Amino acid sequence: MTAPLTPSQPPHHQPPHDPWQAAAQPSGATSPHGHEEDGPGMKTEVRESAVIMVVVAVSGILLGALWMWLSPRVPLISDGTAVYLKDTEGEQAIGVDGTFALLALAFGLVSGVVVFLLRRRGGIPLVVGLALGSLLGALLGLQIGIWLGPETDVVAHAKSVGKGVVFDAPLELKAVGTLLAWPVAALAVHLGLTALFGPRDPEPYPHAYPDPYQNPYGGSHPDGHPYGGSHSDGHPYGGSHPDGRPDGTGSWPPPGQP
């Protein structure tokens, strides 16, 4: 009595490069290319973002000085009892807001480029620091410009210059939304540069979806079975299906059976 023949089983060893069996790397581990996967660490990123926020905010002093220097002057005149605009149809007040907006956009462009060049990797703390620093810089520039500009007490200034004498109105930002020009420009520029020239993260599973026609055990799918058999000319495990049993022995169907 002979033992029943069973088809040979496929090998049980894993393919040499199974993408699903790759061991997870610990935080901060280096990739095969030598760079860190998770960046310098959250503490370092927060520290760098705080430094960037302070530096960007302090640069608002220069914004305020330029705003005071380049803004057009709004002429006022007093008749001894009240203060009036000397040129009621003038556009100097609009020019003051426009000058601040243009300067803020320029500062946003420069700060976005500089921050990207200093730290190309980016990160959420860096973006938050850039946004907060830009907003604080705009507020600081507004206060510096008002402080360096003409006298803010219009009544006292009119009395000091006398009746019928033209004097300059204090700097004033009527469009408060202009304060957002700096942070919006900085974030837009930084985001654009990061998307175009920033580092790319490596693919976590470069061979997660192998070629369906390429057998990891050496077989070729169109011409043979993944385990070495011939798919079109014979049984997957080496037998010839039309002339014999699926395992390659005897005949099929067995003798004596229809």
Protein backbone atom coordinates (compact mmCIF):
# COMPACT_ATOMS: atom_id res chain seq x y z
CA MET A 1 0.00 0.00 0.00
CA THR A 2 1.47 3.25 -1.05
CA ALA A 3 0.93 6.61 0.61
CA PRO A 4 -1.17 9.05 -1.35
CA LEU A 5 0.82 11.47 -3.33
CA THR A 6 0.30 15.11 -2.52
CA PRO A 7 1.44 18.09 -4.49
CA SER A 8 4.70 19.58 -3.37
CA GLN A 9 4.26 22.58 -1.11
CA PRO A 10 5.71 25.99 -1.90
CA PRO A 11 8.73 27.07 0.11
CA HIS A 12 7.95 28.69 3.44
CA HIS A 13 10.86 31.10 3.61
CA GLN A 14 10.16 34.79 3.25
CA PRO A 15 11.33 36.73 0.19
CA PRO A 16 14.66 38.47 0.64
CA HIS A 17 13.13 41.96 0.66
CA ASP A 18 9.61 41.69 2.01
CA PRO A 19 8.36 45.29 2.34
CA TRP A 20 5.70 44.30 4.89
CA GLN A 21 8.21 42.64 7.22
CA ALA A 22 10.51 45.66 7.52
CA ALA A 23 11.19 46.45 11.14
CA ALA A 24 10.03 49.84 12.34
CA GLN A 25 12.87 52.21 13.03
CA PRO A 26 12.97 54.05 16.34
CA SER A 27 12.40 57.75 16.54
CA GLY A 28 15.42 59.70 15.37
CA ALA A 29 16.88 56.73 13.45
CA THR A 30 18.83 57.49 10.33
CA SER A 31 17.79 56.36 6.89
CA PRO A 32 20.07 54.44 4.50
CA HIS A 33 21.02 57.80 2.98
CA GLY A 34 22.36 59.03 6.31
CA HIS A 35 19.83 61.72 7.25
CA GLU A 36 17.49 61.69 10.21
CA GLU A 37 13.92 60.63 9.57
CA ASP A 38 12.22 62.63 12.33
CA GLY A 39 14.26 65.83 12.19
CA PRO A 40 16.29 67.42 14.98
CA GLY A 41 13.63 66.91 17.65
CA MET A 42 10.65 68.85 18.94
CA LYS A 43 12.60 70.75 21.61
CA THR A 44 15.14 71.97 19.08
CA GLU A 45 12.41 72.99 16.65
CA VAL A 46 10.54 74.94 19.34
CA ARG A 47 13.77 76.68 20.38
CA GLU A 48 14.58 77.64 16.79
CA SER A 49 11.04 78.88 16.18
CA ALA A 50 11.23 81.07 19.31
CA VAL A 51 14.49 82.63 18.11
CA ILE A 52 13.01 83.25 14.65
CA MET A 53 9.90 84.81 16.17
CA VAL A 54 11.96 87.25 18.26
CA VAL A 55 14.26 88.22 15.37
CA VAL A 56 11.38 88.77 12.95
CA ALA A 57 9.43 90.78 15.53
CA VAL A 58 12.42 93.03 16.31
CA SER A 59 12.80 93.80 12.61
CA GLY A 60 9.50 95.66 12.96
CA ILE A 61 11.53 98.57 14.31
CA LEU A 62 13.00 99.04 10.85
CA LEU A 63 9.52 98.82 9.34
CA GLY A 64 8.29 101.62 11.60
CA ALA A 65 11.26 103.84 10.77
CA LEU A 66 10.81 103.36 7.03
CA TRP A 67 7.08 103.95 7.30
CA MET A 68 7.63 107.26 9.08
CA TRP A 69 10.25 108.30 6.54
CA LEU A 70 8.42 107.32 3.33
CA SER A 71 4.80 108.08 4.21
CA PRO A 72 3.23 111.21 2.78
CA ARG A 73 2.31 113.91 5.25
CA VAL A 74 -1.30 114.88 5.92
CA PRO A 75 -1.44 118.71 6.24
CA LEU A 76 -3.63 120.22 8.95
CA ILE A 77 -4.50 123.82 9.77
CA SER A 78 -6.16 125.51 12.71
CA ASP A 79 -8.35 128.59 12.85
CA GLY A 80 -7.91 129.02 16.59
CA THR A 81 -11.03 127.05 17.52
CA ALA A 82 -10.80 123.84 15.49
CA VAL A 83 -8.40 121.86 13.34
CA TYR A 84 -9.15 121.11 9.69
CA LEU A 85 -7.63 119.31 6.77
CA LYS A 86 -5.85 121.83 4.59
CA ASP A 87 -6.54 119.78 1.46
CA THR A 88 -9.93 118.16 1.83
CA GLU A 89 -9.59 116.30 -1.47
CA GLY A 90 -6.06 115.08 -0.89
CA GLU A 91 -5.13 111.39 -0.87
CA GLN A 92 -2.36 111.59 1.66
CA ALA A 93 -4.27 109.52 4.22
CA ILE A 94 -4.70 106.69 1.71
CA GLY A 95 -1.02 106.99 0.87
CA VAL A 96 -0.11 106.43 4.51
CA ASP A 97 -1.96 103.10 4.57
CA GLY A 98 -0.61 102.12 1.17
CA THR A 99 2.96 102.80 2.20
CA PHE A 100 2.60 100.63 5.28
CA ALA A 101 1.04 97.83 3.22
CA LEU A 102 3.80 97.85 0.61
CA LEU A 103 6.52 97.88 3.24
CA ALA A 104 4.83 95.06 5.14
CA LEU A 105 4.62 92.94 1.97
CA ALA A 106 8.31 93.56 1.29
CA PHE A 107 9.23 92.58 4.84
CA GLY A 108 7.09 89.46 4.52
CA LEU A 109 8.87 88.49 1.30
CA VAL A 110 12.31 88.95 2.83
CA SER A 111 11.50 87.20 6.10
CA GLY A 112 9.94 84.21 4.30
CA VAL A 113 12.99 83.77 2.06
CA VAL A 114 15.50 84.18 4.90
CA VAL A 115 13.72 81.71 7.18
CA PHE A 116 13.55 79.15 4.39
CA LEU A 117 17.25 79.53 3.60
CA LEU A 118 18.18 79.17 7.27
CA ARG A 119 16.11 76.04 7.80
CA ARG A 120 14.91 74.29 4.68
CA ARG A 121 13.30 71.36 6.47
CA GLY A 122 10.44 73.51 7.76
CA GLY A 123 8.04 72.23 10.40
CA ILE A 124 4.94 73.38 12.23
CA PRO A 125 6.81 75.17 15.08
CA LEU A 126 8.86 77.09 12.52
CA VAL A 127 5.75 78.22 10.62
CA VAL A 128 4.02 79.26 13.85
CA GLY A 129 7.09 81.22 14.95
CA LEU A 130 7.28 82.96 11.58
CA ALA A 131 3.58 83.89 11.66
CA LEU A 132 3.65 85.21 15.24
CA GLY A 133 6.91 87.08 14.68
CA SER A 134 5.53 88.74 11.55
CA LEU A 135 2.35 89.85 13.32
CA LEU A 136 4.29 91.19 16.29
CA GLY A 137 6.69 92.93 13.93
CA ALA A 138 3.81 94.67 12.16
CA LEU A 139 2.36 95.85 15.47
CA LEU A 140 5.76 97.02 16.65
CA GLY A 141 6.37 98.85 13.36
CA LEU A 142 3.03 100.62 13.71
CA GLN A 143 3.88 101.85 17.21
CA ILE A 144 7.42 102.87 16.25
CA GLY A 145 6.18 104.82 13.24
CA ILE A 146 3.61 106.68 15.33
CA TRP A 147 6.18 107.38 18.01
CA LEU A 148 8.80 108.69 15.57
CA GLY A 149 6.26 110.63 13.50
CA PRO A 150 4.61 113.99 14.11
CA GLU A 151 3.07 114.95 17.43
CA THR A 152 0.10 112.75 18.32
CA ASP A 153 -1.67 115.44 20.39
CA VAL A 154 -3.24 117.42 17.57
CA VAL A 155 -4.80 120.13 19.80
CA ALA A 156 -1.55 120.85 21.64
CA HIS A 157 0.34 120.85 18.36
CA ALA A 158 -2.12 123.33 16.81
CA LYS A 159 -1.79 125.66 19.77
CA SER A 160 1.97 125.48 19.68
CA VAL A 161 2.24 126.40 15.99
CA GLY A 162 -0.45 129.09 16.12
CA LYS A 163 -3.49 130.07 14.10
CA GLY A 164 -3.39 129.59 10.33
CA VAL A 165 -0.10 127.65 10.36
CA VAL A 166 0.02 124.31 8.49
CA PHE A 167 1.39 121.35 10.41
CA ASP A 168 1.55 117.60 9.86
CA ALA A 169 -1.03 115.21 11.23
CA PRO A 170 0.20 112.22 13.24
CA LEU A 171 0.70 108.92 11.44
CA GLU A 172 -2.39 106.78 11.62
CA LEU A 173 -3.29 103.42 10.09
CA LYS A 174 -6.95 103.54 9.16
CA ALA A 175 -7.08 100.10 7.49
CA VAL A 176 -6.33 97.83 10.45
CA GLY A 177 -6.33 94.76 8.21
CA THR A 178 -3.10 96.03 6.69
CA LEU A 179 -1.34 94.59 9.74
CA LEU A 180 -1.89 91.12 8.28
CA ALA A 181 0.05 91.92 5.10
CA TRP A 182 3.38 90.94 6.64
CA PRO A 183 2.40 87.52 8.11
CA VAL A 184 0.34 86.57 5.05
CA ALA A 185 3.18 87.41 2.66
CA ALA A 186 5.78 85.64 4.84
CA LEU A 187 3.74 82.43 5.09
CA ALA A 188 2.87 82.42 1.39
CA VAL A 189 6.50 82.85 0.33
CA HIS A 190 7.77 80.27 2.81
CA LEU A 191 5.12 77.75 1.79
CA GLY A 192 5.86 78.24 -1.89
CA LEU A 193 9.62 77.83 -1.45
CA THR A 194 9.15 74.76 0.72
CA ALA A 195 6.86 73.16 -1.85
CA LEU A 196 9.26 73.87 -4.71
CA PHE A 197 12.71 73.44 -3.16
CA GLY A 198 12.15 71.77 0.21
CA PRO A 199 13.47 68.26 0.99
CA ARG A 200 11.26 65.32 0.08
CA ASP A 201 10.41 62.61 2.59
CA PRO A 202 11.49 59.11 1.54
CA GLU A 203 8.77 56.63 0.63
CA PRO A 204 8.03 54.35 3.61
CA TYR A 205 7.40 51.28 1.41
CA PRO A 206 9.31 51.62 -1.86
CA HIS A 207 8.32 48.06 -2.95
CA ALA A 208 4.97 47.73 -1.23
CA TYR A 209 3.27 46.83 -4.52
CA PRO A 210 5.61 44.52 -6.47
CA ASP A 211 5.23 43.77 -10.13
CA PRO A 212 2.50 41.11 -10.45
CA TYR A 213 4.45 39.52 -13.32
CA GLN A 214 7.67 39.24 -11.35
CA ASN A 215 7.88 36.28 -8.95
CA PRO A 216 9.92 36.84 -5.77
CA TYR A 217 11.04 33.16 -5.93
CA GLY A 218 12.55 33.39 -9.38
CA GLY A 219 9.66 32.25 -11.57
CA SER A 220 8.21 34.20 -14.42
CA HIS A 221 4.44 34.60 -14.34
CA PRO A 222 3.73 34.57 -18.09
CA ASP A 223 5.93 31.54 -18.85
CA GLY A 224 5.90 29.63 -15.59
CA HIS A 225 4.29 29.23 -12.20
CA PRO A 226 5.68 31.25 -9.27
CA TYR A 227 7.07 27.99 -7.81
CA GLY A 228 8.89 26.78 -10.90
CA GLY A 229 6.19 25.02 -12.88
CA SER A 230 5.03 25.82 -16.36
CA HIS A 231 1.68 27.58 -16.26
CA SER A 232 0.70 27.12 -19.91
CA ASP A 233 2.38 23.81 -20.81
CA GLY A 234 2.08 21.88 -17.55
CA HIS A 235 0.79 21.76 -14.03
CA PRO A 236 1.93 24.49 -11.64
CA TYR A 237 3.87 21.92 -9.58
CA GLY A 238 5.64 20.20 -12.47
CA GLY A 239 3.01 17.75 -13.71
CA SER A 240 1.32 17.72 -17.06
CA HIS A 241 -2.36 18.35 -16.59
CA PRO A 242 -3.66 17.13 -19.97
CA ASP A 243 -1.83 13.72 -19.84
CA GLY A 244 -1.44 12.93 -16.15
CA ARG A 245 -2.31 13.67 -12.57
CA PRO A 246 -1.85 17.17 -11.28
CA ASP A 247 1.24 16.02 -9.33
CA GLY A 248 2.92 14.60 -12.44
CA THR A 249 2.38 10.85 -11.79
CA GLY A 250 -0.08 8.37 -13.25
CA SER A 251 -2.76 9.26 -15.69
CA TRP A 252 -5.80 11.35 -15.37
CA PRO A 253 -8.52 10.28 -15.00
CA PRO A 254 -7.46 7.07 -13.14
CA PRO A 255 -7.88 3.79 -14.99
CA GLY A 256 -11.27 2.19 -14.61
CA GLN A 257 -13.11 5.48 -14.16
CA PRO A 258 -15.08 7.13 -16.91
